[in-house]
Amino acid sequence: MSCIDTIILALISLISVFSGFVGFYIKYLLDQQNETKLLNRRITEDKYRIILVHMLCAVEPMAASYFSMDDPNIKTFTNRNKLQNYFIKKVISYYYIAMLYANDSVLKEMKKFIDLIEKQKKLKPLYHSLIETALAMRKDLWKKGIKIKVEDLIVLSDLTSQNH
């Protein structure tokens, strides 16, 4: 084996080792990127979940009893209207915070919900708006279109409940 053959063989070995390190590093970067995206989506999903619970409670304050909430203020309200106003204010504050991470359609639907609840307090449009907001959040989280209609998701017992 000549000196040139040895050098060529050494270069090939060196290139293989180097390309292995480069491949490993690229895979590491892609894995980190995917992990970060997944973590961000989980965090956003948790935030959206909290917003939707508060939106539901703004429509029907007594629904708060169905959720475990760490907010000590909720138990202090004995008047349904005051509790509802408290939840409305929470939704409005979440709306402003959502401007940091939510996409445009989620913000528009949240704004529409807030405008409806502030102006008229009629239940059917509120539930409709709440579900539109949830669908916009779903679209933002999963980056897919939505085929189901809002009317197919409204639970009639919510609209006909005796508590309203």
N, C-alpha and C. Protein backbone atom coordinates (compact mmCIF):
# COMPACT_ATOMS: atom_id res chain seq x y z
N MET A 1 0.84 -1.17 0.00
CA MET A 1 0.00 0.00 0.00
C MET A 1 0.89 1.24 0.00
N SER A 2 0.59 2.10 -0.90
CA SER A 2 1.44 3.28 -1.04
C SER A 2 1.01 4.36 -0.06
N CYS A 3 1.84 5.33 0.01
CA CYS A 3 1.60 6.47 0.92
C CYS A 3 0.34 7.23 0.51
N ILE A 4 0.09 7.35 -0.78
CA ILE A 4 -1.08 8.07 -1.28
C ILE A 4 -2.35 7.29 -0.91
N ASP A 5 -2.29 5.95 -1.04
CA ASP A 5 -3.45 5.13 -0.67
C ASP A 5 -3.76 5.28 0.82
N THR A 6 -2.74 5.33 1.63
CA THR A 6 -2.93 5.49 3.07
C THR A 6 -3.55 6.84 3.38
N ILE A 7 -3.08 7.87 2.70
CA ILE A 7 -3.62 9.22 2.92
C ILE A 7 -5.08 9.28 2.48
N ILE A 8 -5.39 8.70 1.34
CA ILE A 8 -6.77 8.68 0.83
C ILE A 8 -7.67 7.93 1.79
N LEU A 9 -7.20 6.78 2.28
CA LEU A 9 -7.98 5.99 3.22
C LEU A 9 -8.20 6.76 4.54
N ALA A 10 -7.20 7.47 4.99
CA ALA A 10 -7.30 8.27 6.20
C ALA A 10 -8.28 9.44 6.00
N LEU A 11 -8.22 10.06 4.83
CA LEU A 11 -9.16 11.16 4.52
C LEU A 11 -10.59 10.66 4.46
N ILE A 12 -10.81 9.50 3.86
CA ILE A 12 -12.16 8.93 3.77
C ILE A 12 -12.68 8.64 5.18
N SER A 13 -11.82 8.07 6.02
CA SER A 13 -12.21 7.78 7.41
C SER A 13 -12.53 9.07 8.15
N LEU A 14 -11.70 10.08 7.96
CA LEU A 14 -11.90 11.36 8.61
C LEU A 14 -13.20 12.02 8.15
N ILE A 15 -13.47 11.94 6.86
CA ILE A 15 -14.72 12.51 6.30
C ILE A 15 -15.92 11.76 6.87
N SER A 16 -15.84 10.45 6.99
CA SER A 16 -16.95 9.66 7.55
C SER A 16 -17.23 10.06 8.99
N VAL A 17 -16.17 10.16 9.78
CA VAL A 17 -16.34 10.55 11.18
C VAL A 17 -16.92 11.96 11.26
N PHE A 18 -16.40 12.88 10.46
CA PHE A 18 -16.87 14.25 10.47
C PHE A 18 -18.34 14.33 10.04
N SER A 19 -18.71 13.59 8.98
CA SER A 19 -20.11 13.62 8.53
C SER A 19 -21.03 13.00 9.57
N GLY A 20 -20.54 12.02 10.32
CA GLY A 20 -21.32 11.44 11.40
C GLY A 20 -21.61 12.47 12.48
N PHE A 21 -20.57 13.25 12.84
CA PHE A 21 -20.76 14.31 13.84
C PHE A 21 -21.71 15.38 13.33
N VAL A 22 -21.57 15.75 12.07
CA VAL A 22 -22.47 16.77 11.48
C VAL A 22 -23.90 16.24 11.47
N GLY A 23 -24.09 15.00 11.07
CA GLY A 23 -25.43 14.41 11.05
C GLY A 23 -26.05 14.35 12.43
N PHE A 24 -25.23 13.96 13.42
CA PHE A 24 -25.70 13.90 14.80
C PHE A 24 -26.11 15.29 15.28
N TYR A 25 -25.32 16.29 14.98
CA TYR A 25 -25.60 17.65 15.43
C TYR A 25 -26.87 18.19 14.77
N ILE A 26 -27.04 17.93 13.48
CA ILE A 26 -28.25 18.38 12.77
C ILE A 26 -29.48 17.70 13.37
N LYS A 27 -29.38 16.39 13.64
CA LYS A 27 -30.51 15.67 14.26
C LYS A 27 -30.81 16.25 15.64
N TYR A 28 -29.78 16.56 16.40
CA TYR A 28 -29.96 17.15 17.72
C TYR A 28 -30.70 18.49 17.62
N LEU A 29 -30.29 19.33 16.66
CA LEU A 29 -30.95 20.63 16.49
C LEU A 29 -32.41 20.48 16.09
N LEU A 30 -32.69 19.55 15.19
CA LEU A 30 -34.07 19.32 14.75
C LEU A 30 -34.92 18.77 15.90
N ASP A 31 -34.35 17.87 16.68
CA ASP A 31 -35.08 17.33 17.83
C ASP A 31 -35.39 18.43 18.84
N GLN A 32 -34.42 19.31 19.08
CA GLN A 32 -34.63 20.43 20.01
C GLN A 32 -35.73 21.35 19.49
N GLN A 33 -35.71 21.60 18.19
CA GLN A 33 -36.72 22.47 17.58
C GLN A 33 -38.11 21.84 17.71
N ASN A 34 -38.22 20.55 17.44
CA ASN A 34 -39.51 19.87 17.56
C ASN A 34 -39.99 19.83 19.01
N GLU A 35 -39.07 19.61 19.93
CA GLU A 35 -39.42 19.59 21.35
C GLU A 35 -39.91 20.96 21.81
N THR A 36 -39.28 22.00 21.33
CA THR A 36 -39.69 23.36 21.68
C THR A 36 -41.08 23.66 21.12
N LYS A 37 -41.34 23.25 19.88
CA LYS A 37 -42.66 23.46 19.28
C LYS A 37 -43.73 22.72 20.07
N LEU A 38 -43.44 21.48 20.46
CA LEU A 38 -44.40 20.70 21.22
C LEU A 38 -44.67 21.33 22.58
N LEU A 39 -43.64 21.79 23.23
CA LEU A 39 -43.79 22.45 24.53
C LEU A 39 -44.61 23.73 24.40
N ASN A 40 -44.32 24.50 23.37
CA ASN A 40 -45.09 25.74 23.14
C ASN A 40 -46.56 25.44 22.89
N ARG A 41 -46.82 24.39 22.13
CA ARG A 41 -48.21 24.02 21.84
C ARG A 41 -48.92 23.57 23.11
N ARG A 42 -48.23 22.81 23.96
CA ARG A 42 -48.83 22.39 25.23
C ARG A 42 -49.14 23.58 26.12
N ILE A 43 -48.21 24.52 26.20
CA ILE A 43 -48.42 25.71 27.02
C ILE A 43 -49.59 26.52 26.48
N THR A 44 -49.65 26.70 25.17
CA THR A 44 -50.74 27.45 24.55
C THR A 44 -52.07 26.73 24.77
N GLU A 45 -52.07 25.42 24.65
CA GLU A 45 -53.29 24.64 24.89
C GLU A 45 -53.78 24.83 26.32
N ASP A 46 -52.88 24.81 27.27
CA ASP A 46 -53.26 25.03 28.68
C ASP A 46 -53.85 26.43 28.87
N LYS A 47 -53.23 27.41 28.24
CA LYS A 47 -53.74 28.79 28.35
C LYS A 47 -55.12 28.89 27.73
N TYR A 48 -55.30 28.28 26.57
CA TYR A 48 -56.61 28.31 25.90
C TYR A 48 -57.66 27.61 26.76
N ARG A 49 -57.30 26.52 27.40
CA ARG A 49 -58.23 25.79 28.25
C ARG A 49 -58.72 26.70 29.39
N ILE A 50 -57.80 27.41 30.01
CA ILE A 50 -58.16 28.32 31.10
C ILE A 50 -59.09 29.43 30.60
N ILE A 51 -58.77 29.97 29.43
CA ILE A 51 -59.60 31.03 28.85
C ILE A 51 -61.01 30.51 28.59
N LEU A 52 -61.12 29.33 28.00
CA LEU A 52 -62.44 28.78 27.69
C LEU A 52 -63.27 28.52 28.95
N VAL A 53 -62.64 28.04 30.00
CA VAL A 53 -63.36 27.81 31.25
C VAL A 53 -63.89 29.14 31.78
N HIS A 54 -63.08 30.17 31.73
CA HIS A 54 -63.53 31.48 32.21
C HIS A 54 -64.60 32.08 31.30
N MET A 55 -64.51 31.82 30.01
CA MET A 55 -65.55 32.29 29.10
C MET A 55 -66.88 31.61 29.42
N LEU A 56 -66.82 30.30 29.66
CA LEU A 56 -68.04 29.57 30.01
C LEU A 56 -68.62 30.11 31.31
N CYS A 57 -67.78 30.38 32.28
CA CYS A 57 -68.24 30.92 33.56
C CYS A 57 -68.76 32.35 33.41
N ALA A 58 -68.27 33.09 32.43
CA ALA A 58 -68.80 34.43 32.17
C ALA A 58 -70.21 34.33 31.60
N VAL A 59 -70.48 33.27 30.85
CA VAL A 59 -71.82 33.05 30.32
C VAL A 59 -72.73 32.51 31.42
N GLU A 60 -72.23 31.51 32.13
CA GLU A 60 -73.00 30.88 33.21
C GLU A 60 -72.12 30.77 34.44
N PRO A 61 -72.18 31.74 35.34
CA PRO A 61 -71.28 31.77 36.50
C PRO A 61 -71.36 30.53 37.38
N MET A 62 -72.50 29.89 37.42
CA MET A 62 -72.65 28.71 38.27
C MET A 62 -71.83 27.52 37.73
N ALA A 63 -71.38 27.61 36.50
CA ALA A 63 -70.53 26.55 35.93
C ALA A 63 -69.19 26.47 36.65
N ALA A 64 -68.85 27.50 37.38
CA ALA A 64 -67.58 27.50 38.12
C ALA A 64 -67.52 26.35 39.11
N SER A 65 -68.66 25.91 39.59
CA SER A 65 -68.67 24.81 40.55
C SER A 65 -68.25 23.48 39.91
N TYR A 66 -68.23 23.40 38.59
CA TYR A 66 -67.84 22.17 37.90
C TYR A 66 -66.34 22.08 37.67
N PHE A 67 -65.62 23.14 37.93
CA PHE A 67 -64.19 23.18 37.68
C PHE A 67 -63.45 23.42 38.99
N SER A 68 -62.26 22.87 39.07
CA SER A 68 -61.44 23.19 40.25
C SER A 68 -60.60 24.41 39.90
N MET A 69 -60.89 25.48 40.57
CA MET A 69 -60.20 26.75 40.32
C MET A 69 -59.47 27.16 41.59
N ASP A 70 -58.26 27.63 41.41
CA ASP A 70 -57.46 28.05 42.55
C ASP A 70 -57.72 29.48 42.97
N ASP A 71 -58.65 30.12 42.35
CA ASP A 71 -58.94 31.53 42.62
C ASP A 71 -59.79 31.66 43.88
N PRO A 72 -59.23 32.16 44.97
CA PRO A 72 -60.00 32.29 46.22
C PRO A 72 -61.12 33.33 46.13
N ASN A 73 -61.06 34.24 45.18
CA ASN A 73 -62.08 35.28 45.05
C ASN A 73 -63.44 34.72 44.66
N ILE A 74 -63.44 33.61 43.95
CA ILE A 74 -64.70 33.05 43.44
C ILE A 74 -65.65 32.72 44.58
N LYS A 75 -65.12 32.18 45.65
CA LYS A 75 -65.97 31.77 46.78
C LYS A 75 -66.54 32.95 47.56
N THR A 76 -65.99 34.12 47.36
CA THR A 76 -66.46 35.29 48.11
C THR A 76 -67.73 35.91 47.53
N PHE A 77 -68.07 35.56 46.29
CA PHE A 77 -69.25 36.14 45.65
C PHE A 77 -70.50 35.36 46.02
N THR A 78 -71.50 36.07 46.50
CA THR A 78 -72.78 35.43 46.79
C THR A 78 -73.83 35.83 45.76
N ASN A 79 -73.55 36.88 45.02
CA ASN A 79 -74.47 37.39 44.01
C ASN A 79 -74.02 36.90 42.63
N ARG A 80 -74.97 36.29 41.92
CA ARG A 80 -74.68 35.73 40.60
C ARG A 80 -74.15 36.79 39.63
N ASN A 81 -74.74 37.98 39.63
CA ASN A 81 -74.32 39.04 38.71
C ASN A 81 -72.91 39.52 39.00
N LYS A 82 -72.57 39.63 40.28
CA LYS A 82 -71.22 40.05 40.63
C LYS A 82 -70.20 38.99 40.23
N LEU A 83 -70.57 37.73 40.41
CA LEU A 83 -69.68 36.64 39.99
C LEU A 83 -69.51 36.66 38.48
N GLN A 84 -70.59 36.88 37.76
CA GLN A 84 -70.52 36.95 36.30
C GLN A 84 -69.63 38.11 35.86
N ASN A 85 -69.79 39.26 36.48
CA ASN A 85 -68.94 40.42 36.14
C ASN A 85 -67.48 40.14 36.43
N TYR A 86 -67.22 39.40 37.51
CA TYR A 86 -65.85 39.02 37.84
C TYR A 86 -65.25 38.17 36.72
N PHE A 87 -66.02 37.19 36.25
CA PHE A 87 -65.53 36.33 35.16
C PHE A 87 -65.35 37.10 33.86
N ILE A 88 -66.24 38.04 33.61
CA ILE A 88 -66.10 38.87 32.41
C ILE A 88 -64.79 39.65 32.47
N LYS A 89 -64.49 40.21 33.63
CA LYS A 89 -63.23 40.95 33.79
C LYS A 89 -62.02 40.04 33.63
N LYS A 90 -62.14 38.81 34.11
CA LYS A 90 -61.04 37.84 33.94
C LYS A 90 -60.83 37.53 32.45
N VAL A 91 -61.93 37.34 31.73
CA VAL A 91 -61.83 37.06 30.28
C VAL A 91 -61.18 38.23 29.57
N ILE A 92 -61.57 39.43 29.93
CA ILE A 92 -60.97 40.62 29.31
C ILE A 92 -59.47 40.68 29.60
N SER A 93 -59.08 40.37 30.82
CA SER A 93 -57.64 40.39 31.12
C SER A 93 -56.91 39.28 30.36
N TYR A 94 -57.54 38.11 30.24
CA TYR A 94 -56.92 37.04 29.44
C TYR A 94 -56.82 37.44 27.97
N TYR A 95 -57.78 38.21 27.50
CA TYR A 95 -57.76 38.69 26.12
C TYR A 95 -56.50 39.51 25.87
N TYR A 96 -56.21 40.42 26.78
CA TYR A 96 -55.02 41.26 26.59
C TYR A 96 -53.73 40.44 26.71
N ILE A 97 -53.72 39.48 27.59
CA ILE A 97 -52.54 38.62 27.72
C ILE A 97 -52.39 37.74 26.47
N ALA A 98 -53.50 37.29 25.92
CA ALA A 98 -53.47 36.43 24.72
C ALA A 98 -52.87 37.14 23.52
N MET A 99 -52.83 38.45 23.55
CA MET A 99 -52.21 39.18 22.44
C MET A 99 -50.74 38.82 22.27
N LEU A 100 -50.15 38.25 23.31
CA LEU A 100 -48.74 37.85 23.23
C LEU A 100 -48.53 36.55 22.45
N TYR A 101 -49.53 35.66 22.44
CA TYR A 101 -49.30 34.34 21.86
C TYR A 101 -50.39 33.83 20.92
N ALA A 102 -51.59 34.37 21.00
CA ALA A 102 -52.69 33.85 20.18
C ALA A 102 -52.62 34.42 18.77
N ASN A 103 -53.14 33.65 17.82
CA ASN A 103 -53.15 34.16 16.44
C ASN A 103 -54.32 35.13 16.25
N ASP A 104 -54.36 35.75 15.10
CA ASP A 104 -55.34 36.81 14.84
C ASP A 104 -56.78 36.33 14.96
N SER A 105 -57.08 35.13 14.44
CA SER A 105 -58.47 34.67 14.46
C SER A 105 -58.93 34.39 15.90
N VAL A 106 -58.06 33.90 16.75
CA VAL A 106 -58.42 33.68 18.16
C VAL A 106 -58.72 35.02 18.82
N LEU A 107 -57.87 36.00 18.58
CA LEU A 107 -58.09 37.32 19.18
C LEU A 107 -59.40 37.95 18.69
N LYS A 108 -59.68 37.81 17.41
CA LYS A 108 -60.92 38.37 16.87
C LYS A 108 -62.14 37.72 17.50
N GLU A 109 -62.09 36.38 17.65
CA GLU A 109 -63.22 35.67 18.24
C GLU A 109 -63.38 36.02 19.72
N MET A 110 -62.28 36.16 20.43
CA MET A 110 -62.36 36.56 21.83
C MET A 110 -62.96 37.97 21.95
N LYS A 111 -62.53 38.87 21.09
CA LYS A 111 -63.05 40.24 21.11
C LYS A 111 -64.55 40.24 20.81
N LYS A 112 -64.95 39.43 19.85
CA LYS A 112 -66.37 39.33 19.51
C LYS A 112 -67.17 38.83 20.72
N PHE A 113 -66.63 37.83 21.40
CA PHE A 113 -67.29 37.30 22.59
C PHE A 113 -67.42 38.38 23.67
N ILE A 114 -66.35 39.09 23.92
CA ILE A 114 -66.35 40.14 24.95
C ILE A 114 -67.36 41.23 24.58
N ASP A 115 -67.37 41.64 23.31
CA ASP A 115 -68.33 42.66 22.87
C ASP A 115 -69.77 42.18 23.08
N LEU A 116 -70.03 40.93 22.74
CA LEU A 116 -71.39 40.39 22.90
C LEU A 116 -71.80 40.34 24.37
N ILE A 117 -70.91 39.86 25.19
CA ILE A 117 -71.28 39.71 26.60
C ILE A 117 -71.43 41.07 27.27
N GLU A 118 -70.65 42.02 26.85
CA GLU A 118 -70.75 43.37 27.42
C GLU A 118 -72.03 44.07 26.97
N LYS A 119 -72.44 43.85 25.74
CA LYS A 119 -73.56 44.60 25.18
C LYS A 119 -74.92 44.00 25.49
N GLN A 120 -75.07 42.70 25.35
CA GLN A 120 -76.43 42.19 25.38
C GLN A 120 -76.71 41.09 26.38
N LYS A 121 -75.74 40.30 26.73
CA LYS A 121 -75.91 39.21 27.69
C LYS A 121 -77.04 38.26 27.29
N LYS A 122 -77.21 38.04 26.01
CA LYS A 122 -78.15 37.02 25.54
C LYS A 122 -77.37 35.74 25.36
N LEU A 123 -77.94 34.64 25.82
CA LEU A 123 -77.17 33.41 25.90
C LEU A 123 -76.83 32.76 24.57
N LYS A 124 -77.77 32.70 23.65
CA LYS A 124 -77.49 31.99 22.40
C LYS A 124 -76.30 32.59 21.66
N PRO A 125 -76.26 33.91 21.43
CA PRO A 125 -75.07 34.47 20.76
C PRO A 125 -73.79 34.26 21.57
N LEU A 126 -73.90 34.25 22.90
CA LEU A 126 -72.71 34.06 23.72
C LEU A 126 -72.14 32.66 23.57
N TYR A 127 -72.99 31.66 23.62
CA TYR A 127 -72.51 30.29 23.43
C TYR A 127 -71.95 30.12 22.03
N HIS A 128 -72.61 30.71 21.05
CA HIS A 128 -72.14 30.65 19.67
C HIS A 128 -70.75 31.26 19.57
N SER A 129 -70.57 32.41 20.18
CA SER A 129 -69.28 33.10 20.14
C SER A 129 -68.21 32.32 20.92
N LEU A 130 -68.60 31.74 22.05
CA LEU A 130 -67.65 30.94 22.83
C LEU A 130 -67.14 29.77 22.00
N ILE A 131 -68.04 29.10 21.30
CA ILE A 131 -67.64 27.95 20.49
C ILE A 131 -66.80 28.40 19.30
N GLU A 132 -67.12 29.54 18.69
CA GLU A 132 -66.29 30.05 17.60
C GLU A 132 -64.87 30.34 18.09
N THR A 133 -64.76 30.87 19.30
CA THR A 133 -63.44 31.12 19.88
C THR A 133 -62.70 29.81 20.09
N ALA A 134 -63.39 28.82 20.63
CA ALA A 134 -62.76 27.51 20.86
C ALA A 134 -62.29 26.89 19.55
N LEU A 135 -63.09 27.02 18.50
CA LEU A 135 -62.70 26.46 17.20
C LEU A 135 -61.49 27.20 16.62
N ALA A 136 -61.44 28.51 16.82
CA ALA A 136 -60.27 29.27 16.36
C ALA A 136 -59.02 28.84 17.13
N MET A 137 -59.18 28.57 18.42
CA MET A 137 -58.05 28.08 19.22
C MET A 137 -57.60 26.71 18.73
N ARG A 138 -58.58 25.85 18.44
CA ARG A 138 -58.27 24.51 17.94
C ARG A 138 -57.51 24.59 16.62
N LYS A 139 -57.96 25.47 15.75
CA LYS A 139 -57.28 25.64 14.46
C LYS A 139 -55.85 26.14 14.66
N ASP A 140 -55.68 27.07 15.60
CA ASP A 140 -54.34 27.60 15.89
C ASP A 140 -53.43 26.51 16.45
N LEU A 141 -53.94 25.68 17.34
CA LEU A 141 -53.12 24.64 17.96
C LEU A 141 -52.72 23.55 16.98
N TRP A 142 -53.65 23.12 16.16
CA TRP A 142 -53.40 21.95 15.31
C TRP A 142 -53.15 22.29 13.86
N LYS A 143 -53.25 23.56 13.49
CA LYS A 143 -52.92 24.03 12.14
C LYS A 143 -53.69 23.27 11.06
N LYS A 144 -54.94 22.95 11.36
CA LYS A 144 -55.79 22.23 10.40
C LYS A 144 -57.10 22.97 10.25
N GLY A 145 -57.74 22.76 9.12
CA GLY A 145 -59.05 23.35 8.91
C GLY A 145 -60.10 22.68 9.78
N ILE A 146 -61.24 23.31 9.90
CA ILE A 146 -62.31 22.79 10.73
C ILE A 146 -63.54 22.60 9.85
N LYS A 147 -64.08 21.39 9.87
CA LYS A 147 -65.23 21.08 9.04
C LYS A 147 -66.55 21.17 9.79
N ILE A 148 -66.51 21.00 11.11
CA ILE A 148 -67.73 21.00 11.90
C ILE A 148 -68.28 22.42 12.05
N LYS A 149 -69.59 22.54 12.10
CA LYS A 149 -70.23 23.85 12.24
C LYS A 149 -70.51 24.14 13.70
N VAL A 150 -70.54 25.42 14.03
CA VAL A 150 -70.78 25.85 15.40
C VAL A 150 -72.11 25.30 15.90
N GLU A 151 -73.13 25.34 15.07
CA GLU A 151 -74.46 24.87 15.46
C GLU A 151 -74.44 23.40 15.86
N ASP A 152 -73.53 22.64 15.30
CA ASP A 152 -73.43 21.22 15.63
C ASP A 152 -72.78 20.99 17.01
N LEU A 153 -72.20 22.02 17.58
CA LEU A 153 -71.49 21.88 18.85
C LEU A 153 -72.22 22.48 20.04
N ILE A 154 -73.22 23.31 19.80
CA ILE A 154 -73.93 23.94 20.91
C ILE A 154 -74.78 22.88 21.61
N VAL A 155 -74.65 22.82 22.92
CA VAL A 155 -75.44 21.89 23.72
C VAL A 155 -76.73 22.59 24.12
N LEU A 156 -77.85 22.02 23.69
CA LEU A 156 -79.13 22.69 23.93
C LEU A 156 -79.43 22.87 25.40
N SER A 157 -78.99 21.95 26.24
CA SER A 157 -79.29 22.11 27.67
C SER A 157 -78.62 23.35 28.23
N ASP A 158 -77.51 23.80 27.63
CA ASP A 158 -76.88 25.04 28.07
C ASP A 158 -77.81 26.24 27.85
N LEU A 159 -78.55 26.19 26.75
CA LEU A 159 -79.40 27.32 26.40
C LEU A 159 -80.75 27.27 27.09
N THR A 160 -81.16 26.10 27.54
CA THR A 160 -82.48 25.98 28.12
C THR A 160 -82.44 25.74 29.63
N SER A 161 -81.29 25.86 30.22
CA SER A 161 -81.11 25.64 31.66
C SER A 161 -81.99 26.59 32.47
N GLN A 162 -82.49 26.10 33.59
CA GLN A 162 -83.36 26.90 34.45
C GLN A 162 -82.59 27.99 35.19
N ASN A 163 -81.27 27.91 35.22
CA ASN A 163 -80.47 28.89 35.96
C ASN A 163 -80.38 30.23 35.25
N HIS A 164 -80.88 30.34 34.05
CA HIS A 164 -80.69 31.58 33.28
C HIS A 164 -81.80 32.50 33.60
